[in-house]
C-alpha atoms as a PDB file:
ATOM      1  CA  MET A   1       0.025   0.083   0.122  1.00  0.00           C
ATOM      2  CA  PRO A   2       1.677   3.385  -0.837  1.00  0.00           C
ATOM      3  CA  ALA A   3       2.163   5.891   1.728  1.00  0.00           C
ATOM      4  CA  ARG A   4      -0.124   8.844   1.851  1.00  0.00           C
ATOM      5  CA  THR A   5       1.246  12.211   1.378  1.00  0.00           C
ATOM      6  CA  ARG A   6      -0.363  15.274   2.418  1.00  0.00           C
ATOM      7  CA  PRO A   7      -1.652  18.034   0.124  1.00  0.00           C
ATOM      8  CA  PRO A   8       0.864  21.116  -0.008  1.00  0.00           C
ATOM      9  CA  ALA A   9      -1.869  23.324   1.662  1.00  0.00           C
ATOM     10  CA  GLU A  10      -2.115  20.903   4.671  1.00  0.00           C
ATOM     11  CA  GLN A  11       1.712  20.703   4.821  1.00  0.00           C
ATOM     12  CA  THR A  12       2.078  24.797   5.071  1.00  0.00           C
ATOM     13  CA  ALA A  13      -0.848  24.910   7.517  1.00  0.00           C
ATOM     14  CA  GLN A  14       0.674  22.398   9.995  1.00  0.00           C
ATOM     15  CA  ALA A  15       4.136  24.119   9.701  1.00  0.00           C
ATOM     16  CA  ARG A  16       2.645  27.413  10.626  1.00  0.00           C
ATOM     17  CA  MET A  17       1.222  25.809  13.834  1.00  0.00           C
ATOM     18  CA  ILE A  18       2.650  27.422  17.015  1.00  0.00           C
ATOM     19  CA  THR A  19       3.187  24.946  19.870  1.00  0.00           C
ATOM     20  CA  ALA A  20       1.380  25.254  23.056  1.00  0.00           C
ATOM     21  CA  SER A  21       4.324  25.763  25.296  1.00  0.00           C
ATOM     22  CA  SER A  22       8.019  26.119  25.278  1.00  0.00           C
ATOM     23  CA  VAL A  23      10.760  26.278  27.598  1.00  0.00           C
ATOM     24  CA  VAL A  24      13.695  28.754  27.391  1.00  0.00           C
ATOM     25  CA  THR A  25      16.762  27.096  29.278  1.00  0.00           C
ATOM     26  CA  ASN A  26      18.744  30.221  29.566  1.00  0.00           C
ATOM     27  CA  LEU A  27      18.335  34.071  28.936  1.00  0.00           C
ATOM     28  CA  VAL A  28      21.075  36.578  28.940  1.00  0.00           C
ATOM     29  CA  VAL A  29      20.138  40.113  29.565  1.00  0.00           C
ATOM     30  CA  ARG A  30      22.472  43.026  29.526  1.00  0.00           C
ATOM     31  CA  ALA A  31      21.776  46.133  31.568  1.00  0.00           C
ATOM     32  CA  ALA A  32      23.285  49.723  31.844  1.00  0.00           C
ATOM     33  CA  GLY A  33      22.203  52.840  33.252  1.00  0.00           C
ATOM     34  CA  LEU A  34      18.613  53.146  35.217  1.00  0.00           C
ATOM     35  CA  VAL A  35      16.735  50.066  34.552  1.00  0.00           C
ATOM     36  CA  PRO A  36      13.052  50.886  34.794  1.00  0.00           C
ATOM     37  CA  ALA A  37      11.340  48.820  37.356  1.00  0.00           C
ATOM     38  CA  ARG A  38       7.659  48.022  37.925  1.00  0.00           C
ATOM     39  CA  LEU A  39       5.973  45.776  40.920  1.00  0.00           C
ATOM     40  CA  ASP A  40       2.482  44.634  40.243  1.00  0.00           C
ATOM     41  CA  LEU A  41       1.163  42.741  43.286  1.00  0.00           C
ATOM     42  CA  ALA A  42      -2.418  40.727  42.579  1.00  0.00           C
ATOM     43  CA  HIS A  43      -4.607  38.597  44.624  1.00  0.00           C
ATOM     44  CA  VAL A  44      -2.865  39.630  48.005  1.00  0.00           C
ATOM     45  CA  GLY A  45      -3.134  37.135  50.786  1.00  0.00           C
ATOM     46  CA  THR A  46      -4.812  34.350  48.699  1.00  0.00           C
ATOM     47  CA  PRO A  47      -3.298  31.246  47.426  1.00  0.00           C
ATOM     48  CA  GLU A  48      -3.437  32.947  43.987  1.00  0.00           C
ATOM     49  CA  GLN A  49      -1.134  35.818  45.257  1.00  0.00           C
ATOM     50  CA  GLN A  50       1.313  36.679  42.509  1.00  0.00           C
ATOM     51  CA  LEU A  51       3.951  39.463  42.212  1.00  0.00           C
ATOM     52  CA  GLY A  52       4.910  40.677  38.815  1.00  0.00           C
ATOM     53  CA  LEU A  53       8.547  42.249  38.526  1.00  0.00           C
ATOM     54  CA  THR A  54       9.338  43.958  35.204  1.00  0.00           C
ATOM     55  CA  LEU A  55      12.926  45.084  35.025  1.00  0.00           C
ATOM     56  CA  GLY A  56      13.559  46.562  31.949  1.00  0.00           C
ATOM     57  CA  GLY A  57      12.341  43.826  29.182  1.00  0.00           C
ATOM     58  CA  VAL A  58      11.989  41.108  31.544  1.00  0.00           C
ATOM     59  CA  LEU A  59       8.711  40.243  33.652  1.00  0.00           C
ATOM     60  CA  ILE A  60       9.442  37.950  36.441  1.00  0.00           C
ATOM     61  CA  TYR A  61       6.423  36.185  38.373  1.00  0.00           C
ATOM     62  CA  MET A  62       6.667  35.314  42.030  1.00  0.00           C
ATOM     63  CA  ARG A  63       4.280  33.994  44.699  1.00  0.00           C
ATOM     64  CA  ALA A  64       6.411  33.642  47.932  1.00  0.00           C
ATOM     65  CA  GLY A  65       8.120  36.102  49.968  1.00  0.00           C
ATOM     66  CA  ALA A  66      11.174  33.556  50.613  1.00  0.00           C
ATOM     67  CA  THR A  67      11.653  33.428  46.778  1.00  0.00           C
ATOM     68  CA  ALA A  68      11.895  37.144  46.493  1.00  0.00           C
ATOM     69  CA  ARG A  69      13.947  37.249  49.819  1.00  0.00           C
ATOM     70  CA  ALA A  70      16.423  34.732  48.430  1.00  0.00           C
ATOM     71  CA  ALA A  71      16.790  36.576  45.234  1.00  0.00           C
ATOM     72  CA  ALA A  72      17.351  39.980  47.134  1.00  0.00           C
ATOM     73  CA  ASP A  73      19.839  38.503  49.420  1.00  0.00           C
ATOM     74  CA  GLY A  74      21.701  37.202  46.396  1.00  0.00           C
ATOM     75  CA  TRP A  75      21.862  40.575  44.621  1.00  0.00           C
ATOM     76  CA  THR A  76      22.849  42.253  48.158  1.00  0.00           C
ATOM     77  CA  GLY A  77      25.698  39.663  48.237  1.00  0.00           C
ATOM     78  CA  ALA A  78      27.117  40.792  44.867  1.00  0.00           C
ATOM     79  CA  ALA A  79      27.382  44.342  46.233  1.00  0.00           C
ATOM     80  CA  VAL A  80      31.251  43.939  46.801  1.00  0.00           C
ATOM     81  CA  LEU A  81      31.694  42.747  43.359  1.00  0.00           C
ATOM     82  CA  ALA A  82      29.717  45.659  42.057  1.00  0.00           C
ATOM     83  CA  GLN A  83      32.002  48.226  43.773  1.00  0.00           C
ATOM     84  CA  SER A  84      34.263  47.650  40.866  1.00  0.00           C
ATOM     85  CA  LEU A  85      31.454  48.817  38.140  1.00  0.00           C
ATOM     86  CA  PRO A  86      31.723  52.375  36.679  1.00  0.00           C
ATOM     87  CA  PRO A  87      29.207  54.528  38.111  1.00  0.00           C
ATOM     88  CA  ALA A  88      27.307  54.830  34.796  1.00  0.00           C
ATOM     89  CA  ILE A  89      27.738  54.279  31.198  1.00  0.00           C
ATOM     90  CA  ALA A  90      26.877  57.574  29.066  1.00  0.00           C
ATOM     91  CA  GLY A  91      24.653  57.385  26.098  1.00  0.00           C
ATOM     92  CA  ARG A  92      22.296  54.944  27.309  1.00  0.00           C
ATOM     93  CA  ARG A  93      18.352  55.798  27.332  1.00  0.00           C
ATOM     94  CA  PRO A  94      15.964  54.102  29.958  1.00  0.00           C
ATOM     95  CA  LEU A  95      13.421  51.833  28.380  1.00  0.00           C
ATOM     96  CA  LEU A  96       9.814  52.137  28.704  1.00  0.00           C
ATOM     97  CA  ILE A  97       7.575  49.783  30.781  1.00  0.00           C
ATOM     98  CA  GLY A  98       4.583  48.527  29.399  1.00  0.00           C
ATOM     99  CA  PRO A  99       2.807  45.213  28.237  1.00  0.00           C
ATOM    100  CA  THR A 100       4.142  45.818  24.707  1.00  0.00           C
ATOM    101  CA  THR A 101       7.881  46.129  26.136  1.00  0.00           C
ATOM    102  CA  VAL A 102       8.336  42.915  27.796  1.00  0.00           C
ATOM    103  CA  ALA A 103      10.744  40.615  25.929  1.00  0.00           C
ATOM    104  CA  ALA A 104      10.717  37.556  28.322  1.00  0.00           C
ATOM    105  CA  MET A 105       8.730  36.261  31.213  1.00  0.00           C
ATOM    106  CA  VAL A 106      10.100  34.114  33.864  1.00  0.00           C
ATOM    107  CA  ARG A 107       8.470  32.182  36.516  1.00  0.00           C
ATOM    108  CA  LEU A 108      10.692  32.087  39.817  1.00  0.00           C
ATOM    109  CA  ALA A 109       9.847  29.639  42.401  1.00  0.00           C
ATOM    110  CA  GLY A 110      11.604  28.014  45.485  1.00  0.00           C
ATOM    111  CA  LEU A 111      14.783  29.582  46.740  1.00  0.00           C
ATOM    112  CA  PRO A 112      16.715  30.639  43.837  1.00  0.00           C
ATOM    113  CA  GLU A 113      20.482  30.600  44.164  1.00  0.00           C
ATOM    114  CA  VAL A 114      22.296  33.597  42.798  1.00  0.00           C
ATOM    115  CA  GLY A 115      25.958  33.414  41.520  1.00  0.00           C
ATOM    116  CA  ALA A 116      27.806  36.332  40.865  1.00  0.00           C
ATOM    117  CA  ILE A 117      31.126  36.908  39.193  1.00  0.00           C
ATOM    118  CA  PHE A 118      32.910  40.125  38.176  1.00  0.00           C
ATOM    119  CA  VAL A 119      34.127  39.985  34.408  1.00  0.00           C
ATOM    120  CA  PRO A 120      36.915  42.567  33.490  1.00  0.00           C
ATOM    121  CA  SER A 121      36.741  44.518  30.329  1.00  0.00           C
ATOM    122  CA  ARG A 122      38.298  43.269  27.287  1.00  0.00           C
ATOM    123  CA  ALA A 123      39.628  44.221  24.010  1.00  0.00           C
ATOM    124  CA  SER A 124      41.056  47.765  25.324  1.00  0.00           C
ATOM    125  CA  GLY A 125      37.678  48.709  26.879  1.00  0.00           C
ATOM    126  CA  ALA A 126      35.560  47.958  23.814  1.00  0.00           C
ATOM    127  CA  VAL A 127      33.944  45.349  25.784  1.00  0.00           C
ATOM    128  CA  PRO A 128      32.791  46.590  29.150  1.00  0.00           C
ATOM    129  CA  ALA A 129      33.527  45.427  32.437  1.00  0.00           C
ATOM    130  CA  MET A 130      30.479  43.762  33.882  1.00  0.00           C
ATOM    131  CA  LEU A 131      28.915  41.962  37.147  1.00  0.00           C
ATOM    132  CA  ARG A 132      27.409  38.736  35.780  1.00  0.00           C
ATOM    133  CA  LEU A 133      24.668  37.261  38.208  1.00  0.00           C
ATOM    134  CA  GLN A 134      23.252  33.945  37.496  1.00  0.00           C
ATOM    135  CA  MET A 135      19.870  33.352  38.825  1.00  0.00           C
ATOM    136  CA  GLY A 136      17.855  30.298  37.408  1.00  0.00           C
ATOM    137  CA  PRO A 137      17.575  30.667  34.112  1.00  0.00           C
ATOM    138  CA  VAL A 138      18.439  34.416  33.787  1.00  0.00           C
ATOM    139  CA  THR A 139      21.925  35.643  33.439  1.00  0.00           C
ATOM    140  CA  TRP A 140      22.111  39.253  34.325  1.00  0.00           C
ATOM    141  CA  GLU A 141      25.149  41.115  32.680  1.00  0.00           C
ATOM    142  CA  ILE A 142      25.171  44.276  34.661  1.00  0.00           C
ATOM    143  CA  CYS A 143      27.505  47.208  33.178  1.00  0.00           C
ATOM    144  CA  ASP A 144      27.347  49.611  35.571  1.00  0.00           C
ATOM    145  CA  ALA A 145      26.519  50.688  39.318  1.00  0.00           C
ATOM    146  CA  THR A 146      23.617  52.432  38.364  1.00  0.00           C
ATOM    147  CA  ALA A 147      21.958  49.443  36.817  1.00  0.00           C
ATOM    148  CA  TYR A 148      22.991  47.306  39.684  1.00  0.00           C
ATOM    149  CA  THR A 149      21.678  49.769  42.101  1.00  0.00           C
ATOM    150  CA  SER A 150      18.240  50.335  40.518  1.00  0.00           C
ATOM    151  CA  MET A 151      17.830  46.496  40.015  1.00  0.00           C
ATOM    152  CA  LEU A 152      18.704  45.560  43.567  1.00  0.00           C
ATOM    153  CA  ARG A 153      16.068  48.241  44.869  1.00  0.00           C
ATOM    154  CA  ALA A 154      13.568  46.414  42.927  1.00  0.00           C
ATOM    155  CA  TRP A 155      14.510  43.024  44.177  1.00  0.00           C
ATOM    156  CA  ARG A 156      14.417  44.489  47.623  1.00  0.00           C
ATOM    157  CA  GLN A 157      10.971  45.936  47.221  1.00  0.00           C
ATOM    158  CA  ALA A 158       9.574  42.522  45.991  1.00  0.00           C
ATOM    159  CA  ALA A 159      10.940  40.881  48.830  1.00  0.00           C
ATOM    160  CA  GLN A 160       9.252  43.455  51.291  1.00  0.00           C
ATOM    161  CA  LEU A 161       5.882  43.371  49.405  1.00  0.00           C
ATOM    162  CA  LEU A 162       5.612  39.678  49.337  1.00  0.00           C
ATOM    163  CA  GLY A 163       7.076  39.593  53.040  1.00  0.00           C
ATOM    164  CA  ASP A 164       4.425  42.062  54.144  1.00  0.00           C
ATOM    165  CA  ASN A 165       1.749  39.969  52.519  1.00  0.00           C
ATOM    166  CA  PRO A 166       2.374  36.129  53.250  1.00  0.00           C
ATOM    167  CA  THR A 167       0.117  33.292  51.878  1.00  0.00           C
ATOM    168  CA  GLU A 168      -1.416  30.631  53.655  1.00  0.00           C
ATOM    169  CA  ASP A 169       1.369  28.205  52.275  1.00  0.00           C
ATOM    170  CA  GLU A 170       4.095  30.302  54.020  1.00  0.00           C
END
């Protein structure tokens, strides 16, 4: 019995189908200058409580105060390394925040480990020095102290918001 082949129109339609879900195993985000941050807490005090923390083009969802506290503590632990960053890199404009500007969404749960290393500048300064923070699937490459400080402030605010509003699970 000969194999059945699909008509070209059916093959094209099938090729255009979008998968129901996908998993990103690693995301690298480089930040310089003032990083705009936004915190949106929904369903406060219920099992559906969720905090959306937008840092530049990345939207991070968290439910538990312990998760946000672990992230904030990890960023705080990198402060010694951040002292080696330049105060600011000139010529960068802050990005706008809004639903159309989010480039990636990440769900953060549990107690994330934050690893930090300082990467010195290379190629006679053509590639700037940066603080590289690895947290879950996201690697943050922080190019100046302004970016580090603005992001650290947002993580601390997230930890305070979720810590002040524990759910039944905590």
